[in-house]
Amino acid sequence: MFTKANQEVYVPDGSNPEEALSRTTHLAVAAHQDDIEIMAIDGILQGLKNPDAHFSGCVVTDGHGSPRAGEFGHVSDDEMAQIRIEEQKAAARLGHYSAQVFLGYTSARVKDPSDSALVDDLTKLLQATQPEILYTHNPADKHTTHVAVFLRVIAALRRLPKEIRPKKVYGCEVWRNLDWLPDEIKTVFDVSEEPELQAALIDVFESQVEGGKNYTEAIVGRRIANSTFFASHVTDKATRLAYALDLTPLIEDDSLDVITWMQGKIAEFNAVVTDTLESLS
């Protein structure tokens, strides 16, 4: 399916790759190794607890540009790329993913709107998996490669016949929290289950955690904080929550302009803040 030398479909249980992709019900398409475990924990948990659900992940970039420090400070780009692939495979085994796809693009190519190769590959992936639920980056993320992946995912989805598009597409939290979204437009996932596994899935990425990024405590803390600060006048109903922006309208109506649509979401936040201030002034 994917023909470039640095592309791979890894199947933790040893199944045929085409079979592993075709049984996928929940799919995450992420920019970097470890983004899947940060943003798509709902899908991972669904795959673990529901025998009819199968979670797969796709990492778009090759890992060459990863930050490094400590014992990884002198690792070359090629060595780091291989380390990150092995870490991602370990996470796939730990989370019992149906398949883990590596597309091997540079960030520069991902961010180049004139380069259609990534959209071509994502279209192939979506045709092979036809997931019910798709998780990807949200358009308000502050990491430009994440936003570029979001845009390429939407472009690929819009190439598909509507009858095989996902039922739901979610833009998830990584490099910007989504607690600012008004509650009525915020998708809330209860991810209280498997707290030890959630930490372990981040700890797998030793090159990042030990190399200077305290992702484990940060991600666990975000989910706990989301739960605690979700509602001000009631006790917590969950111990961990993950937030997402429902992107499904963008694949239900291909005429929607992505920028205009997102500006509308920001305007809704502005309206909520303004209304509160005006009502109390």
C-alpha atoms as a PDB file:
ATOM      1  CA  MET A   1       0.000   0.000   0.000  1.00  0.00           C
ATOM      2  CA  PHE A   2       2.761   2.444   0.962  1.00  0.00           C
ATOM      3  CA  THR A   3       5.794   2.197  -1.284  1.00  0.00           C
ATOM      4  CA  LYS A   4       8.388   4.607   0.102  1.00  0.00           C
ATOM      5  CA  ALA A   5      11.414   3.045   1.778  1.00  0.00           C
ATOM      6  CA  ASN A   6      10.702   4.605   5.175  1.00  0.00           C
ATOM      7  CA  GLN A   7       6.994   3.718   5.229  1.00  0.00           C
ATOM      8  CA  GLU A   8       5.673   0.789   7.225  1.00  0.00           C
ATOM      9  CA  VAL A   9       2.533  -0.845   8.540  1.00  0.00           C
ATOM     10  CA  TYR A  10       3.405  -2.468  11.862  1.00  0.00           C
ATOM     11  CA  VAL A  11       0.952  -4.998  13.295  1.00  0.00           C
ATOM     12  CA  PRO A  12       1.577  -5.858  16.966  1.00  0.00           C
ATOM     13  CA  ASP A  13      -0.258  -9.190  16.887  1.00  0.00           C
ATOM     14  CA  GLY A  14       1.362 -10.337  13.651  1.00  0.00           C
ATOM     15  CA  SER A  15      -1.817 -10.306  11.593  1.00  0.00           C
ATOM     16  CA  ASN A  16      -1.833  -9.581   7.889  1.00  0.00           C
ATOM     17  CA  PRO A  17      -1.436  -5.793   7.505  1.00  0.00           C
ATOM     18  CA  GLU A  18      -4.427  -5.451   5.186  1.00  0.00           C
ATOM     19  CA  GLU A  19      -6.591  -7.374   7.674  1.00  0.00           C
ATOM     20  CA  ALA A  20      -5.324  -5.275  10.590  1.00  0.00           C
ATOM     21  CA  LEU A  21      -6.139  -2.057   8.753  1.00  0.00           C
ATOM     22  CA  SER A  22      -9.531  -3.221   7.514  1.00  0.00           C
ATOM     23  CA  ARG A  23     -10.773  -4.141  11.008  1.00  0.00           C
ATOM     24  CA  THR A  24      -9.976  -0.659  12.317  1.00  0.00           C
ATOM     25  CA  THR A  25     -12.952   1.156  13.866  1.00  0.00           C
ATOM     26  CA  HIS A  26     -11.053   3.967  15.602  1.00  0.00           C
ATOM     27  CA  LEU A  27      -8.142   5.663  13.832  1.00  0.00           C
ATOM     28  CA  ALA A  28      -5.751   8.398  14.957  1.00  0.00           C
ATOM     29  CA  VAL A  29      -3.724  10.385  12.440  1.00  0.00           C
ATOM     30  CA  ALA A  30      -0.981  12.320  14.202  1.00  0.00           C
ATOM     31  CA  ALA A  31       2.004  14.402  13.233  1.00  0.00           C
ATOM     32  CA  HIS A  32       4.607  12.883  15.551  1.00  0.00           C
ATOM     33  CA  GLN A  33       5.466   9.820  17.578  1.00  0.00           C
ATOM     34  CA  ASP A  34       3.711  10.155  20.984  1.00  0.00           C
ATOM     35  CA  ASP A  35       0.985  12.509  19.675  1.00  0.00           C
ATOM     36  CA  ILE A  36      -1.353   9.523  19.332  1.00  0.00           C
ATOM     37  CA  GLU A  37      -1.024   8.615  22.999  1.00  0.00           C
ATOM     38  CA  ILE A  38      -1.527  12.240  24.022  1.00  0.00           C
ATOM     39  CA  MET A  39      -4.568  13.065  21.926  1.00  0.00           C
ATOM     40  CA  ALA A  40      -6.382   9.802  21.143  1.00  0.00           C
ATOM     41  CA  ILE A  41      -6.548   8.067  24.510  1.00  0.00           C
ATOM     42  CA  ASP A  42     -10.320   7.742  24.066  1.00  0.00           C
ATOM     43  CA  GLY A  43      -9.809   5.583  20.979  1.00  0.00           C
ATOM     44  CA  ILE A  44      -7.101   3.513  22.633  1.00  0.00           C
ATOM     45  CA  LEU A  45      -9.383   2.800  25.612  1.00  0.00           C
ATOM     46  CA  GLN A  46     -12.289   1.964  23.304  1.00  0.00           C
ATOM     47  CA  GLY A  47     -10.123  -0.614  21.558  1.00  0.00           C
ATOM     48  CA  LEU A  48      -9.158  -2.182  24.883  1.00  0.00           C
ATOM     49  CA  LYS A  49     -12.587  -2.417  26.490  1.00  0.00           C
ATOM     50  CA  ASN A  50     -14.851  -3.141  23.522  1.00  0.00           C
ATOM     51  CA  PRO A  51     -14.306  -6.426  21.639  1.00  0.00           C
ATOM     52  CA  ASP A  52     -15.898  -4.921  18.541  1.00  0.00           C
ATOM     53  CA  ALA A  53     -13.590  -1.890  18.538  1.00  0.00           C
ATOM     54  CA  HIS A  54     -10.109  -1.878  17.018  1.00  0.00           C
ATOM     55  CA  PHE A  55      -7.780   1.086  17.341  1.00  0.00           C
ATOM     56  CA  SER A  56      -5.042   1.928  14.844  1.00  0.00           C
ATOM     57  CA  GLY A  57      -2.604   4.817  14.709  1.00  0.00           C
ATOM     58  CA  CYS A  58      -0.789   6.661  11.954  1.00  0.00           C
ATOM     59  CA  VAL A  59       2.281   8.853  12.455  1.00  0.00           C
ATOM     60  CA  VAL A  60       2.904  11.198   9.558  1.00  0.00           C
ATOM     61  CA  THR A  61       6.447  12.521  10.153  1.00  0.00           C
ATOM     62  CA  ASP A  62       9.740  10.643  10.319  1.00  0.00           C
ATOM     63  CA  GLY A  63      11.050  11.806  13.715  1.00  0.00           C
ATOM     64  CA  HIS A  64      14.293  13.323  12.419  1.00  0.00           C
ATOM     65  CA  GLY A  65      13.569  16.746  13.899  1.00  0.00           C
ATOM     66  CA  SER A  66      12.774  15.578  17.426  1.00  0.00           C
ATOM     67  CA  PRO A  67      14.264  17.609  20.305  1.00  0.00           C
ATOM     68  CA  ARG A  68      16.898  15.780  22.324  1.00  0.00           C
ATOM     69  CA  ALA A  69      18.897  16.244  25.493  1.00  0.00           C
ATOM     70  CA  GLY A  70      20.571  14.276  28.268  1.00  0.00           C
ATOM     71  CA  GLU A  71      21.586  10.787  27.202  1.00  0.00           C
ATOM     72  CA  PHE A  72      19.986  11.463  23.805  1.00  0.00           C
ATOM     73  CA  GLY A  73      21.740  14.812  23.308  1.00  0.00           C
ATOM     74  CA  HIS A  74      24.337  13.474  20.876  1.00  0.00           C
ATOM     75  CA  VAL A  75      22.089  11.097  18.951  1.00  0.00           C
ATOM     76  CA  SER A  76      22.095  11.728  15.199  1.00  0.00           C
ATOM     77  CA  ASP A  77      18.940  12.531  13.248  1.00  0.00           C
ATOM     78  CA  ASP A  78      18.882   9.065  11.666  1.00  0.00           C
ATOM     79  CA  GLU A  79      19.425   7.377  15.029  1.00  0.00           C
ATOM     80  CA  MET A  80      16.717   9.479  16.649  1.00  0.00           C
ATOM     81  CA  ALA A  81      14.257   8.626  13.870  1.00  0.00           C
ATOM     82  CA  GLN A  82      14.821   4.914  14.491  1.00  0.00           C
ATOM     83  CA  ILE A  83      14.539   5.327  18.262  1.00  0.00           C
ATOM     84  CA  ARG A  84      11.222   7.105  17.879  1.00  0.00           C
ATOM     85  CA  ILE A  85       9.881   4.409  15.549  1.00  0.00           C
ATOM     86  CA  GLU A  86      10.763   1.725  18.089  1.00  0.00           C
ATOM     87  CA  GLU A  87       9.148   3.741  20.886  1.00  0.00           C
ATOM     88  CA  GLN A  88       5.973   4.085  18.840  1.00  0.00           C
ATOM     89  CA  LYS A  89       5.927   0.358  18.151  1.00  0.00           C
ATOM     90  CA  ALA A  90       6.291  -0.290  21.883  1.00  0.00           C
ATOM     91  CA  ALA A  91       3.295   1.957  22.550  1.00  0.00           C
ATOM     92  CA  ALA A  92       1.314   0.073  19.897  1.00  0.00           C
ATOM     93  CA  ARG A  93       2.088  -3.210  21.621  1.00  0.00           C
ATOM     94  CA  LEU A  94       1.270  -1.832  25.055  1.00  0.00           C
ATOM     95  CA  GLY A  95      -2.039  -0.374  23.851  1.00  0.00           C
ATOM     96  CA  HIS A  96      -2.887  -3.436  21.722  1.00  0.00           C
ATOM     97  CA  TYR A  97      -3.311  -1.382  18.557  1.00  0.00           C
ATOM     98  CA  SER A  98      -4.654  -3.174  15.530  1.00  0.00           C
ATOM     99  CA  ALA A  99      -2.018  -1.484  13.362  1.00  0.00           C
ATOM    100  CA  GLN A 100       0.532   1.293  13.538  1.00  0.00           C
ATOM    101  CA  VAL A 101       1.315   3.120  10.300  1.00  0.00           C
ATOM    102  CA  PHE A 102       4.449   5.164   9.646  1.00  0.00           C
ATOM    103  CA  LEU A 103       4.305   7.502   6.648  1.00  0.00           C
ATOM    104  CA  GLY A 104       7.801   8.958   6.990  1.00  0.00           C
ATOM    105  CA  TYR A 105       7.340  12.533   5.786  1.00  0.00           C
ATOM    106  CA  THR A 106       9.502  15.488   6.730  1.00  0.00           C
ATOM    107  CA  SER A 107       7.764  18.350   8.499  1.00  0.00           C
ATOM    108  CA  ALA A 108       8.651  20.613   5.577  1.00  0.00           C
ATOM    109  CA  ARG A 109       6.734  18.419   3.142  1.00  0.00           C
ATOM    110  CA  VAL A 110       3.768  18.152   5.497  1.00  0.00           C
ATOM    111  CA  LYS A 111       3.564  21.945   5.695  1.00  0.00           C
ATOM    112  CA  ASP A 112       3.890  22.474   1.924  1.00  0.00           C
ATOM    113  CA  PRO A 113       0.339  22.920   0.549  1.00  0.00           C
ATOM    114  CA  SER A 114       1.579  22.367  -3.014  1.00  0.00           C
ATOM    115  CA  ASP A 115       2.835  18.842  -2.195  1.00  0.00           C
ATOM    116  CA  SER A 116      -0.076  16.436  -2.645  1.00  0.00           C
ATOM    117  CA  ALA A 117       1.788  13.228  -1.789  1.00  0.00           C
ATOM    118  CA  LEU A 118       0.697  13.155   1.855  1.00  0.00           C
ATOM    119  CA  VAL A 119      -2.951  13.683   0.936  1.00  0.00           C
ATOM    120  CA  ASP A 120      -2.580  10.812  -1.549  1.00  0.00           C
ATOM    121  CA  ASP A 121      -1.200   8.514   1.166  1.00  0.00           C
ATOM    122  CA  LEU A 122      -3.809   9.561   3.717  1.00  0.00           C
ATOM    123  CA  THR A 123      -6.518   8.860   1.168  1.00  0.00           C
ATOM    124  CA  LYS A 124      -5.138   5.337   0.716  1.00  0.00           C
ATOM    125  CA  LEU A 125      -5.051   4.851   4.483  1.00  0.00           C
ATOM    126  CA  LEU A 126      -8.629   6.042   4.914  1.00  0.00           C
ATOM    127  CA  GLN A 127      -9.833   3.807   2.097  1.00  0.00           C
ATOM    128  CA  ALA A 128      -8.102   0.817   3.688  1.00  0.00           C
ATOM    129  CA  THR A 129      -9.384   1.459   7.211  1.00  0.00           C
ATOM    130  CA  GLN A 130     -12.745   3.209   6.734  1.00  0.00           C
ATOM    131  CA  PRO A 131     -12.902   4.006  10.469  1.00  0.00           C
ATOM    132  CA  GLU A 132     -16.093   4.934  12.264  1.00  0.00           C
ATOM    133  CA  ILE A 133     -14.225   7.426  14.445  1.00  0.00           C
ATOM    134  CA  LEU A 134     -11.186   9.489  13.460  1.00  0.00           C
ATOM    135  CA  TYR A 135      -8.976  11.487  15.837  1.00  0.00           C
ATOM    136  CA  THR A 136      -6.517  14.091  14.594  1.00  0.00           C
ATOM    137  CA  HIS A 137      -5.100  17.472  15.555  1.00  0.00           C
ATOM    138  CA  ASN A 138      -7.326  20.464  16.156  1.00  0.00           C
ATOM    139  CA  PRO A 139      -7.058  23.616  14.007  1.00  0.00           C
ATOM    140  CA  ALA A 140      -6.273  25.818  17.024  1.00  0.00           C
ATOM    141  CA  ASP A 141      -3.134  23.839  17.930  1.00  0.00           C
ATOM    142  CA  LYS A 142      -0.075  26.084  18.162  1.00  0.00           C
ATOM    143  CA  HIS A 143       2.288  23.547  16.547  1.00  0.00           C
ATOM    144  CA  THR A 144       2.339  24.333  12.829  1.00  0.00           C
ATOM    145  CA  THR A 145       3.047  20.737  11.779  1.00  0.00           C
ATOM    146  CA  HIS A 146       0.001  19.615  13.757  1.00  0.00           C
ATOM    147  CA  VAL A 147      -2.208  22.159  12.013  1.00  0.00           C
ATOM    148  CA  ALA A 148      -0.813  21.102   8.647  1.00  0.00           C
ATOM    149  CA  VAL A 149      -1.658  17.461   9.384  1.00  0.00           C
ATOM    150  CA  PHE A 150      -5.197  18.507  10.309  1.00  0.00           C
ATOM    151  CA  LEU A 151      -5.552  20.292   6.962  1.00  0.00           C
ATOM    152  CA  ARG A 152      -4.205  17.320   4.980  1.00  0.00           C
ATOM    153  CA  VAL A 153      -6.538  14.934   6.824  1.00  0.00           C
ATOM    154  CA  ILE A 154      -9.563  17.054   5.942  1.00  0.00           C
ATOM    155  CA  ALA A 155      -8.406  17.233   2.314  1.00  0.00           C
ATOM    156  CA  ALA A 156      -8.058  13.445   2.180  1.00  0.00           C
ATOM    157  CA  LEU A 157     -11.438  12.870   3.806  1.00  0.00           C
ATOM    158  CA  ARG A 158     -13.086  15.132   1.265  1.00  0.00           C
ATOM    159  CA  ARG A 159     -11.755  12.906  -1.520  1.00  0.00           C
ATOM    160  CA  LEU A 160     -13.717   9.936  -0.192  1.00  0.00           C
ATOM    161  CA  PRO A 161     -17.289   9.065  -1.156  1.00  0.00           C
ATOM    162  CA  LYS A 162     -19.510  10.266   1.667  1.00  0.00           C
ATOM    163  CA  GLU A 163     -20.788   6.775   2.392  1.00  0.00           C
ATOM    164  CA  ILE A 164     -17.350   5.595   3.568  1.00  0.00           C
ATOM    165  CA  ARG A 165     -16.338   8.682   5.513  1.00  0.00           C
ATOM    166  CA  PRO A 166     -16.087   8.405   9.326  1.00  0.00           C
ATOM    167  CA  LYS A 167     -19.205   9.029  11.363  1.00  0.00           C
ATOM    168  CA  LYS A 168     -17.231  11.374  13.589  1.00  0.00           C
ATOM    169  CA  VAL A 169     -13.962  13.296  13.239  1.00  0.00           C
ATOM    170  CA  TYR A 170     -12.426  14.897  16.313  1.00  0.00           C
ATOM    171  CA  GLY A 171      -9.682  17.525  16.631  1.00  0.00           C
ATOM    172  CA  CYS A 172      -7.876  16.776  19.880  1.00  0.00           C
ATOM    173  CA  GLU A 173      -5.622  18.463  22.438  1.00  0.00           C
ATOM    174  CA  VAL A 174      -1.849  18.358  22.138  1.00  0.00           C
ATOM    175  CA  TRP A 175      -0.059  21.708  21.944  1.00  0.00           C
ATOM    176  CA  ARG A 176      -3.048  23.781  22.974  1.00  0.00           C
ATOM    177  CA  ASN A 177      -5.714  22.852  25.503  1.00  0.00           C
ATOM    178  CA  LEU A 178      -9.348  23.018  24.451  1.00  0.00           C
ATOM    179  CA  ASP A 179     -10.815  23.995  27.817  1.00  0.00           C
ATOM    180  CA  TRP A 180     -11.570  27.426  26.297  1.00  0.00           C
ATOM    181  CA  LEU A 181     -14.230  25.953  24.027  1.00  0.00           C
ATOM    182  CA  PRO A 182     -17.763  26.745  25.235  1.00  0.00           C
ATOM    183  CA  ASP A 183     -19.239  23.626  26.809  1.00  0.00           C
ATOM    184  CA  GLU A 184     -22.003  23.357  24.231  1.00  0.00           C
ATOM    185  CA  ILE A 185     -19.487  22.891  21.406  1.00  0.00           C
ATOM    186  CA  LYS A 186     -16.888  20.934  23.341  1.00  0.00           C
ATOM    187  CA  THR A 187     -16.673  17.159  22.950  1.00  0.00           C
ATOM    188  CA  VAL A 188     -15.887  15.587  26.312  1.00  0.00           C
ATOM    189  CA  PHE A 189     -14.399  12.096  26.610  1.00  0.00           C
ATOM    190  CA  ASP A 190     -14.451  10.354  29.982  1.00  0.00           C
ATOM    191  CA  VAL A 191     -11.031   8.705  30.073  1.00  0.00           C
ATOM    192  CA  SER A 192     -11.000   7.751  33.746  1.00  0.00           C
ATOM    193  CA  GLU A 193     -10.183   4.096  33.080  1.00  0.00           C
ATOM    194  CA  GLU A 194      -6.724   2.513  33.019  1.00  0.00           C
ATOM    195  CA  PRO A 195      -4.775   5.331  34.723  1.00  0.00           C
ATOM    196  CA  GLU A 196      -1.608   3.235  34.982  1.00  0.00           C
ATOM    197  CA  LEU A 197      -1.744   2.397  31.302  1.00  0.00           C
ATOM    198  CA  GLN A 198      -2.225   6.045  30.393  1.00  0.00           C
ATOM    199  CA  ALA A 199       0.999   6.968  32.154  1.00  0.00           C
ATOM    200  CA  ALA A 200       2.835   3.960  30.738  1.00  0.00           C
ATOM    201  CA  LEU A 201       1.855   4.888  27.191  1.00  0.00           C
ATOM    202  CA  ILE A 202       3.643   8.221  27.595  1.00  0.00           C
ATOM    203  CA  ASP A 203       6.596   6.809  29.555  1.00  0.00           C
ATOM    204  CA  VAL A 204       7.353   4.577  26.561  1.00  0.00           C
ATOM    205  CA  PHE A 205       8.709   7.643  24.760  1.00  0.00           C
ATOM    206  CA  GLU A 206      11.872   7.771  26.814  1.00  0.00           C
ATOM    207  CA  SER A 207      13.757   9.834  24.240  1.00  0.00           C
ATOM    208  CA  GLN A 208      11.343  12.686  24.888  1.00  0.00           C
ATOM    209  CA  VAL A 209      10.484  12.255  28.582  1.00  0.00           C
ATOM    210  CA  GLU A 210      14.063  11.593  29.700  1.00  0.00           C
ATOM    211  CA  GLY A 211      15.342  13.935  27.020  1.00  0.00           C
ATOM    212  CA  GLY A 212      13.808  17.014  28.578  1.00  0.00           C
ATOM    213  CA  LYS A 213      10.021  16.998  28.124  1.00  0.00           C
ATOM    214  CA  ASN A 214       7.930  16.019  31.163  1.00  0.00           C
ATOM    215  CA  TYR A 215       5.072  14.775  29.029  1.00  0.00           C
ATOM    216  CA  THR A 216       3.832  12.092  31.419  1.00  0.00           C
ATOM    217  CA  GLU A 217       2.958  14.388  34.310  1.00  0.00           C
ATOM    218  CA  ALA A 218       1.788  17.109  31.942  1.00  0.00           C
ATOM    219  CA  ILE A 219      -0.675  14.917  30.043  1.00  0.00           C
ATOM    220  CA  VAL A 220      -1.987  13.104  33.114  1.00  0.00           C
ATOM    221  CA  GLY A 221      -2.299  16.480  34.861  1.00  0.00           C
ATOM    222  CA  ARG A 222      -4.206  17.976  31.940  1.00  0.00           C
ATOM    223  CA  ARG A 223      -6.761  15.165  31.993  1.00  0.00           C
ATOM    224  CA  ILE A 224      -7.206  15.436  35.760  1.00  0.00           C
ATOM    225  CA  ALA A 225      -7.468  19.231  35.542  1.00  0.00           C
ATOM    226  CA  ASN A 226     -10.073  18.950  32.794  1.00  0.00           C
ATOM    227  CA  SER A 227     -12.181  16.835  35.123  1.00  0.00           C
ATOM    228  CA  THR A 228     -11.778  19.053  38.163  1.00  0.00           C
ATOM    229  CA  PHE A 229     -12.394  22.340  36.362  1.00  0.00           C
ATOM    230  CA  PHE A 230     -15.124  21.119  34.016  1.00  0.00           C
ATOM    231  CA  ALA A 231     -18.054  22.256  36.167  1.00  0.00           C
ATOM    232  CA  SER A 232     -17.806  24.794  38.975  1.00  0.00           C
ATOM    233  CA  HIS A 233     -20.932  23.950  40.974  1.00  0.00           C
ATOM    234  CA  VAL A 234     -20.956  20.148  41.004  1.00  0.00           C
ATOM    235  CA  THR A 235     -18.612  17.487  42.286  1.00  0.00           C
ATOM    236  CA  ASP A 236     -16.406  15.637  39.805  1.00  0.00           C
ATOM    237  CA  LYS A 237     -18.220  12.929  37.851  1.00  0.00           C
ATOM    238  CA  ALA A 238     -15.010  11.572  36.296  1.00  0.00           C
ATOM    239  CA  THR A 239     -11.386  11.452  37.367  1.00  0.00           C
ATOM    240  CA  ARG A 240      -9.991  12.276  33.917  1.00  0.00           C
ATOM    241  CA  LEU A 241     -11.443  14.022  30.889  1.00  0.00           C
ATOM    242  CA  ALA A 242     -10.079  14.671  27.406  1.00  0.00           C
ATOM    243  CA  TYR A 243     -11.495  17.414  25.201  1.00  0.00           C
ATOM    244  CA  ALA A 244     -11.922  17.631  21.445  1.00  0.00           C
ATOM    245  CA  LEU A 245     -13.496  19.828  18.807  1.00  0.00           C
ATOM    246  CA  ASP A 246     -16.028  18.032  16.628  1.00  0.00           C
ATOM    247  CA  LEU A 247     -14.724  18.443  13.074  1.00  0.00           C
ATOM    248  CA  THR A 248     -17.462  16.323  11.492  1.00  0.00           C
ATOM    249  CA  PRO A 249     -19.254  19.296   9.881  1.00  0.00           C
ATOM    250  CA  LEU A 250     -16.172  19.805   7.715  1.00  0.00           C
ATOM    251  CA  ILE A 251     -16.673  16.425   6.049  1.00  0.00           C
ATOM    252  CA  GLU A 252     -20.449  16.600   5.950  1.00  0.00           C
ATOM    253  CA  ASP A 253     -20.319  19.805   3.896  1.00  0.00           C
ATOM    254  CA  ASP A 254     -17.294  20.052   1.624  1.00  0.00           C
ATOM    255  CA  SER A 255     -18.149  23.650   0.769  1.00  0.00           C
ATOM    256  CA  LEU A 256     -17.340  24.807   4.301  1.00  0.00           C
ATOM    257  CA  ASP A 257     -14.188  26.920   4.358  1.00  0.00           C
ATOM    258  CA  VAL A 258     -11.969  25.629   7.153  1.00  0.00           C
ATOM    259  CA  ILE A 259     -10.679  29.048   8.198  1.00  0.00           C
ATOM    260  CA  THR A 260     -14.130  30.642   8.244  1.00  0.00           C
ATOM    261  CA  TRP A 261     -15.559  27.688  10.151  1.00  0.00           C
ATOM    262  CA  MET A 262     -12.844  27.891  12.801  1.00  0.00           C
ATOM    263  CA  GLN A 263     -13.240  31.644  13.088  1.00  0.00           C
ATOM    264  CA  GLY A 264     -16.873  30.937  13.955  1.00  0.00           C
ATOM    265  CA  LYS A 265     -15.807  28.720  16.863  1.00  0.00           C
ATOM    266  CA  ILE A 266     -13.513  31.448  18.157  1.00  0.00           C
ATOM    267  CA  ALA A 267     -16.356  33.942  17.793  1.00  0.00           C
ATOM    268  CA  GLU A 268     -18.556  31.696  19.952  1.00  0.00           C
ATOM    269  CA  PHE A 269     -15.911  31.789  22.679  1.00  0.00           C
ATOM    270  CA  ASN A 270     -15.692  35.553  22.347  1.00  0.00           C
ATOM    271  CA  ALA A 271     -19.469  35.829  22.672  1.00  0.00           C
ATOM    272  CA  VAL A 272     -19.550  33.737  25.857  1.00  0.00           C
ATOM    273  CA  VAL A 273     -16.842  35.839  27.512  1.00  0.00           C
ATOM    274  CA  THR A 274     -18.415  39.098  26.389  1.00  0.00           C
ATOM    275  CA  ASP A 275     -21.905  38.095  27.523  1.00  0.00           C
ATOM    276  CA  THR A 276     -20.616  37.144  30.981  1.00  0.00           C
ATOM    277  CA  LEU A 277     -18.767  40.422  31.387  1.00  0.00           C
ATOM    278  CA  GLU A 278     -21.722  42.471  30.188  1.00  0.00           C
ATOM    279  CA  SER A 279     -24.165  40.662  32.472  1.00  0.00           C
ATOM    280  CA  LEU A 280     -22.024  41.441  35.514  1.00  0.00           C
ATOM    281  CA  SER A 281     -21.025  45.003  34.677  1.00  0.00           C
END
